[in-house]
Amino acid sequence: MMNTDTTVLDNLIALNLDVKIWTARKKLTPADFGGAELPPEELASLGSKKICDPKELRIFGTLKARAVNLLDRTGVRFLGGWGIPEDKADEIVTELTSIRADFLNAKAQFLSRYDEAVKDWIVQHPGWENLIGSSSVSADYVRSRLDFRWQFFKLVPPTDNVVGHGLQNEMSELGGTLFDEVAKAASDTWKRCFEGKDKITHKALSPLRSIHSKLAGLTFVEPRVVPVVDLLDTAFNRVPKRGYIVGSALVMLQGVVSLLRDPATLVTHGQKMLDGQDSTEILAGLVADTIQPVPEEAPSKADFVPEQSTQHQIDSHGLW
């Protein structure tokens, strides 16, 4: 999965997400315990005290998670941030700008009642007024600790191979990182939408379409990404347009998700398609060649009739 072709950078733009969230915590000090004897610092360290209800700050973590989810859906982790398809940069900026607006609005609302929030926290913890009150900070300090920014970078590789070695290493891992991220998303999709199901709705296809969109935007990262995108296109086209998805169509999708969950197998099948194997052949291998015999005491709920030969059948890994 090595790809050190720096022309990938022609289509990739690096993004750093810089979100600061105040934790409402301060380090405990010996003075907080009224001079009580404490163990030496090399033996044990003091924890922290909360000077405001952490629930008041939950919205900021939620908004940061929204931004991270957006970037994970579109880009691939790269250089401590994300590698984003350059043609998606404007779209990303529009969505990040919307999230930032929500963040700044929440910040203004929190700061407008910050003093009241601290007082409420003190009331909720009678007997500890001094501990909380002596540690409170100003609203201006809190304002400086809440921020939402991002930076884009266009990378130009050094002409000296020795100097550029580190960047080449990062480039060589992009394809593997991308397939690993797809595997993680597919595993989550399996648990939420496919595990133990004998029928699903079209809503269950939404996370698969997100995976497809991510891969389609990053086809320049790794040659074997393109056939995986084609495989998903073929799978979507073979699903009925309306109603529940059951029978062989469901088994096919279960097989596709199983394939996506295994990066090594996914790369292998991507290479097979690059070598000429048709995506319909791959999909045919995900459905049993014949109806499996079922013991009389355990009748089957549905018969799965394959649409094609299973010459290239893959292991179900016990998923169906």
Protein backbone atom coordinates (compact mmCIF):
# COMPACT_ATOMS: atom_id res chain seq x y z
CA MET A 1 0.00 0.00 0.00
CA MET A 2 3.01 2.24 -0.48
CA ASN A 3 2.41 5.40 -2.50
CA THR A 4 5.19 7.98 -2.45
CA ASP A 5 4.03 9.79 -5.58
CA THR A 6 4.06 13.39 -4.42
CA THR A 7 1.70 14.36 -7.25
CA VAL A 8 -0.99 13.32 -4.76
CA LEU A 9 -0.31 16.69 -3.16
CA ASP A 10 -1.60 18.37 -6.31
CA ASN A 11 -5.11 17.31 -5.28
CA LEU A 12 -4.72 17.37 -1.51
CA ILE A 13 -4.87 20.26 0.92
CA ALA A 14 -3.93 19.90 4.60
CA LEU A 15 -6.29 21.19 7.25
CA ASN A 16 -5.63 21.85 10.93
CA LEU A 17 -8.64 22.17 13.23
CA ASP A 18 -7.84 24.43 16.19
CA VAL A 19 -10.61 24.32 18.80
CA LYS A 20 -9.98 25.51 22.36
CA ILE A 21 -12.41 24.49 25.09
CA TRP A 22 -12.15 25.69 28.67
CA THR A 23 -12.36 22.73 31.06
CA ALA A 24 -13.60 24.71 34.12
CA ARG A 25 -10.93 22.93 36.15
CA LYS A 26 -8.03 24.16 38.25
CA LYS A 27 -5.26 22.21 39.89
CA LEU A 28 -5.77 21.41 43.55
CA THR A 29 -3.12 22.83 45.90
CA PRO A 30 -2.13 21.87 49.46
CA ALA A 31 -3.70 25.14 50.65
CA ASP A 32 -7.09 23.81 49.50
CA PHE A 33 -6.85 21.23 52.31
CA GLY A 34 -6.15 23.71 55.09
CA GLY A 35 -2.57 22.68 55.71
CA ALA A 36 -3.35 18.97 56.10
CA GLU A 37 -0.35 16.68 55.72
CA LEU A 38 -0.16 15.32 52.17
CA PRO A 39 2.18 12.78 50.58
CA PRO A 40 5.20 14.18 48.70
CA GLU A 41 4.67 15.07 45.02
CA GLU A 42 6.99 12.29 43.82
CA LEU A 43 4.65 9.81 45.49
CA ALA A 44 1.27 11.26 44.56
CA SER A 45 -0.05 14.29 42.75
CA LEU A 46 -3.20 16.24 43.49
CA GLY A 47 -6.05 16.24 41.03
CA SER A 48 -8.22 19.14 39.92
CA LYS A 49 -11.26 21.00 41.17
CA LYS A 50 -14.23 22.07 39.10
CA ILE A 51 -15.17 25.70 39.47
CA CYS A 52 -18.22 25.53 37.25
CA ASP A 53 -20.72 22.84 36.27
CA PRO A 54 -19.12 20.88 33.36
CA LYS A 55 -22.60 20.49 31.84
CA GLU A 56 -22.50 24.21 31.06
CA LEU A 57 -19.62 23.49 28.66
CA ARG A 58 -20.96 20.33 27.04
CA ILE A 59 -22.18 22.21 23.95
CA PHE A 60 -18.62 23.15 22.99
CA GLY A 61 -17.48 19.52 22.96
CA THR A 62 -20.54 18.62 20.90
CA LEU A 63 -19.74 21.28 18.30
CA LYS A 64 -16.11 20.21 18.11
CA ALA A 65 -17.28 16.61 17.57
CA ARG A 66 -19.51 17.84 14.72
CA ALA A 67 -16.50 19.42 13.05
CA VAL A 68 -14.35 16.33 13.53
CA ASN A 69 -17.10 14.13 12.11
CA LEU A 70 -17.40 16.41 9.07
CA LEU A 71 -13.66 16.20 8.40
CA ASP A 72 -13.55 12.43 9.00
CA ARG A 73 -16.37 11.97 6.47
CA THR A 74 -14.58 14.03 3.83
CA GLY A 75 -10.86 13.70 4.43
CA VAL A 76 -8.19 11.36 5.72
CA ARG A 77 -6.03 11.89 8.82
CA PHE A 78 -2.77 13.48 7.74
CA LEU A 79 0.08 15.34 9.49
CA GLY A 80 -1.81 15.67 12.76
CA GLY A 81 -4.87 17.06 10.98
CA TRP A 82 -6.69 16.02 7.81
CA GLY A 83 -5.90 15.73 4.15
CA ILE A 84 -8.88 17.17 2.27
CA PRO A 85 -9.58 16.92 -1.47
CA GLU A 86 -8.83 20.42 -2.72
CA ASP A 87 -12.04 20.52 -4.74
CA LYS A 88 -13.99 20.04 -1.48
CA ALA A 89 -12.29 22.93 0.35
CA ASP A 90 -15.04 25.49 -0.31
CA GLU A 91 -17.71 23.05 0.86
CA ILE A 92 -15.72 22.30 4.00
CA VAL A 93 -15.25 26.00 4.76
CA THR A 94 -18.99 26.62 4.41
CA GLU A 95 -19.83 23.88 6.91
CA LEU A 96 -17.06 24.79 9.34
CA THR A 97 -18.19 28.40 9.21
CA SER A 98 -21.69 27.31 10.21
CA ILE A 99 -20.35 25.25 13.12
CA ARG A 100 -18.11 28.13 14.21
CA ALA A 101 -21.10 30.46 14.23
CA ASP A 102 -22.92 28.05 16.58
CA PHE A 103 -19.78 27.82 18.72
CA LEU A 104 -19.43 31.60 19.04
CA ASN A 105 -23.13 31.97 19.80
CA ALA A 106 -22.86 29.35 22.58
CA LYS A 107 -19.74 31.14 23.85
CA ALA A 108 -21.57 34.48 24.06
CA GLN A 109 -24.49 32.89 25.88
CA PHE A 110 -22.23 31.13 28.38
CA LEU A 111 -20.19 34.27 29.08
CA SER A 112 -23.34 36.31 29.60
CA ARG A 113 -24.25 34.12 32.57
CA TYR A 114 -20.80 32.97 33.64
CA ASP A 115 -20.86 34.67 37.06
CA GLU A 116 -24.31 33.26 37.73
CA ALA A 117 -23.15 29.78 36.71
CA VAL A 118 -20.29 29.92 39.23
CA LYS A 119 -22.68 31.07 41.97
CA ASP A 120 -25.08 28.23 41.13
CA TRP A 121 -22.20 25.76 41.39
CA ILE A 122 -21.29 27.12 44.82
CA VAL A 123 -24.90 26.80 45.99
CA GLN A 124 -24.94 23.17 44.84
CA HIS A 125 -21.90 22.40 47.03
CA PRO A 126 -22.50 23.91 50.50
CA GLY A 127 -19.47 23.89 52.74
CA TRP A 128 -17.05 24.22 49.82
CA GLU A 129 -17.68 27.88 49.04
CA ASN A 130 -14.08 28.91 49.69
CA LEU A 131 -12.64 26.07 47.64
CA ILE A 132 -14.68 27.09 44.59
CA GLY A 133 -14.73 30.84 45.10
CA SER A 134 -10.99 31.18 45.65
CA SER A 135 -10.34 29.42 42.35
CA SER A 136 -12.78 31.26 40.12
CA VAL A 137 -11.38 33.10 37.10
CA SER A 138 -12.65 36.15 35.25
CA ALA A 139 -15.02 36.03 32.31
CA ASP A 140 -12.26 37.58 30.18
CA TYR A 141 -10.00 34.64 30.99
CA VAL A 142 -12.73 32.18 30.01
CA ARG A 143 -13.30 34.15 26.80
CA SER A 144 -9.64 33.63 25.87
CA ARG A 145 -9.95 29.89 26.49
CA LEU A 146 -12.86 29.30 24.10
CA ASP A 147 -12.14 29.53 20.39
CA PHE A 148 -12.87 27.78 17.10
CA ARG A 149 -10.48 28.17 14.17
CA TRP A 150 -8.99 26.22 11.32
CA GLN A 151 -6.10 26.61 8.89
CA PHE A 152 -5.56 25.22 5.40
CA PHE A 153 -2.07 24.47 4.07
CA LYS A 154 -0.95 23.68 0.54
CA LEU A 155 2.11 21.42 0.74
CA VAL A 156 5.05 21.61 -1.62
CA PRO A 157 7.54 18.73 -1.24
CA PRO A 158 11.22 19.64 -0.85
CA THR A 159 13.39 18.94 -3.88
CA ASP A 160 16.01 17.28 -1.67
CA ASN A 161 15.02 13.63 -1.13
CA VAL A 162 16.73 13.51 2.27
CA VAL A 163 14.94 16.62 3.52
CA GLY A 164 11.63 15.38 2.11
CA HIS A 165 11.92 11.88 3.53
CA GLY A 166 9.54 12.54 6.42
CA LEU A 167 6.82 13.85 4.11
CA GLN A 168 7.31 10.88 1.79
CA ASN A 169 6.74 8.56 4.76
CA GLU A 170 3.49 10.35 5.57
CA MET A 171 2.45 10.09 1.92
CA SER A 172 3.24 6.39 1.83
CA GLU A 173 0.83 5.78 4.72
CA LEU A 174 -2.12 7.72 3.29
CA GLY A 175 -3.66 4.76 1.49
CA GLY A 176 -3.36 2.51 4.53
CA THR A 177 -4.81 5.21 6.76
CA LEU A 178 -7.75 5.68 4.39
CA PHE A 179 -8.60 1.97 4.27
CA ASP A 180 -8.23 1.71 8.05
CA GLU A 181 -10.67 4.59 8.51
CA VAL A 182 -13.11 2.95 6.11
CA ALA A 183 -12.81 -0.29 8.09
CA LYS A 184 -13.61 1.53 11.33
CA ALA A 185 -16.65 3.24 9.79
CA ALA A 186 -17.81 -0.06 8.27
CA SER A 187 -17.51 -1.87 11.61
CA ASP A 188 -19.66 0.80 13.23
CA THR A 189 -22.15 0.52 10.34
CA TRP A 190 -22.32 -3.24 10.79
CA LYS A 191 -23.14 -2.97 14.48
CA ARG A 192 -25.72 -0.20 14.05
CA CYS A 193 -27.44 -1.26 10.85
CA PHE A 194 -26.75 -4.85 9.79
CA GLU A 195 -25.90 -7.11 12.71
CA GLY A 196 -28.68 -9.62 13.40
CA LYS A 197 -31.03 -8.08 10.82
CA ASP A 198 -33.14 -10.10 8.37
CA LYS A 199 -34.41 -6.92 6.75
CA ILE A 200 -33.31 -3.30 6.63
CA THR A 201 -34.68 -0.01 5.34
CA HIS A 202 -32.97 2.30 2.88
CA LYS A 203 -31.90 4.42 5.83
CA ALA A 204 -29.30 1.75 6.60
CA LEU A 205 -27.60 2.64 3.30
CA SER A 206 -26.82 6.17 4.50
CA PRO A 207 -23.53 5.30 6.29
CA LEU A 208 -22.47 3.21 3.28
CA ARG A 209 -23.14 6.19 1.02
CA SER A 210 -21.00 8.32 3.34
CA ILE A 211 -18.16 5.82 2.98
CA HIS A 212 -18.67 5.87 -0.78
CA SER A 213 -18.55 9.69 -0.83
CA LYS A 214 -15.35 9.76 1.23
CA LEU A 215 -13.63 7.25 -1.05
CA ALA A 216 -14.88 8.92 -4.24
CA GLY A 217 -13.33 12.20 -3.15
CA LEU A 218 -9.98 10.58 -2.36
CA THR A 219 -9.47 8.31 -5.38
CA PHE A 220 -6.16 10.05 -6.12
CA VAL A 221 -4.68 8.83 -2.81
CA GLU A 222 -4.39 5.14 -3.73
CA PRO A 223 -5.04 3.34 -7.07
CA ARG A 224 -7.15 0.61 -5.43
CA VAL A 225 -9.64 3.15 -4.13
CA VAL A 226 -11.27 3.53 -7.56
CA PRO A 227 -12.40 -0.12 -7.89
CA VAL A 228 -13.83 -0.05 -4.37
CA VAL A 229 -15.91 2.98 -5.36
CA ASP A 230 -17.06 1.06 -8.46
CA LEU A 231 -17.96 -1.93 -6.29
CA LEU A 232 -20.15 0.22 -4.06
CA ASP A 233 -21.80 1.83 -7.11
CA THR A 234 -22.66 -1.61 -8.46
CA ALA A 235 -24.00 -2.73 -5.08
CA PHE A 236 -26.25 0.34 -4.75
CA ASN A 237 -27.60 -0.24 -8.26
CA ARG A 238 -28.60 -3.81 -7.37
CA VAL A 239 -30.64 -2.80 -4.34
CA PRO A 240 -34.42 -2.39 -4.87
CA LYS A 241 -35.42 1.27 -5.02
CA ARG A 242 -38.33 0.95 -2.57
CA GLY A 243 -39.44 -1.15 0.34
CA TYR A 244 -37.46 -3.28 2.74
CA ILE A 245 -34.13 -4.74 1.65
CA VAL A 246 -34.22 -8.50 2.25
CA GLY A 247 -32.99 -11.80 0.83
CA SER A 248 -30.05 -11.88 -1.56
CA ALA A 249 -29.85 -8.06 -1.71
CA LEU A 250 -29.39 -7.91 2.06
CA VAL A 251 -26.84 -10.73 2.03
CA MET A 252 -24.95 -8.90 -0.71
CA LEU A 253 -24.83 -5.72 1.38
CA GLN A 254 -23.77 -7.68 4.44
CA GLY A 255 -20.96 -9.09 2.34
CA VAL A 256 -19.96 -5.61 1.16
CA VAL A 257 -19.85 -4.31 4.73
CA SER A 258 -17.84 -7.35 5.77
CA LEU A 259 -15.40 -6.63 2.96
CA LEU A 260 -15.06 -2.99 3.97
CA ARG A 261 -14.36 -4.03 7.57
CA ASP A 262 -11.21 -5.90 6.54
CA PRO A 263 -8.57 -3.56 5.04
CA ALA A 264 -6.31 -6.36 3.79
CA THR A 265 -9.15 -8.19 2.01
CA LEU A 266 -10.46 -4.90 0.65
CA VAL A 267 -7.07 -4.08 -0.88
CA THR A 268 -6.84 -7.60 -2.33
CA HIS A 269 -10.21 -7.30 -4.05
CA GLY A 270 -9.38 -3.78 -5.21
CA GLN A 271 -6.26 -5.16 -6.85
CA LYS A 272 -8.26 -7.98 -8.47
CA MET A 273 -10.57 -5.41 -10.02
CA LEU A 274 -7.58 -3.40 -11.24
CA ASP A 275 -6.35 -6.62 -12.81
CA GLY A 276 -9.61 -7.04 -14.70
CA GLN A 277 -12.13 -8.78 -12.45
CA ASP A 278 -15.57 -7.24 -12.80
CA SER A 279 -17.32 -5.74 -9.77
CA THR A 280 -20.39 -7.92 -10.46
CA GLU A 281 -18.19 -11.00 -10.05
CA ILE A 282 -17.02 -9.75 -6.67
CA LEU A 283 -20.59 -9.13 -5.56
CA ALA A 284 -21.66 -12.55 -6.80
CA GLY A 285 -19.12 -14.05 -4.46
CA LEU A 286 -20.90 -12.47 -1.52
CA VAL A 287 -24.07 -14.50 -2.01
CA ALA A 288 -24.27 -18.26 -1.51
CA ASP A 289 -24.15 -20.26 -4.74
CA THR A 290 -27.03 -22.46 -3.71
CA ILE A 291 -29.70 -22.40 -1.01
CA GLN A 292 -28.07 -23.74 2.11
CA PRO A 293 -29.76 -26.87 3.57
CA VAL A 294 -31.55 -26.08 6.83
CA PRO A 295 -32.42 -28.65 9.52
CA GLU A 296 -36.14 -29.34 9.81
CA GLU A 297 -36.25 -28.10 13.40
CA ALA A 298 -34.83 -24.72 12.34
CA PRO A 299 -36.65 -23.60 9.16
CA SER A 300 -35.14 -20.71 7.23
CA LYS A 301 -36.88 -17.34 7.25
CA ALA A 302 -35.78 -16.56 3.70
CA ASP A 303 -34.21 -18.33 0.73
CA PHE A 304 -31.30 -16.56 -0.85
CA VAL A 305 -31.15 -17.06 -4.61
CA PRO A 306 -27.85 -15.96 -6.15
CA GLU A 307 -27.85 -13.85 -9.28
CA GLN A 308 -24.48 -15.10 -10.46
CA SER A 309 -21.90 -17.81 -9.87
CA THR A 310 -19.85 -17.74 -6.66
CA GLN A 311 -16.58 -18.59 -8.29
CA HIS A 312 -14.92 -15.88 -6.19
CA GLN A 313 -16.81 -16.43 -2.96
CA ILE A 314 -15.21 -14.83 0.10
CA ASP A 315 -15.31 -15.98 3.67
CA SER A 316 -18.32 -14.69 5.59
CA HIS A 317 -16.22 -14.53 8.79
CA GLY A 318 -19.27 -15.86 10.63
CA LEU A 319 -21.35 -12.77 9.87
CA TRP A 320 -24.17 -14.66 8.15
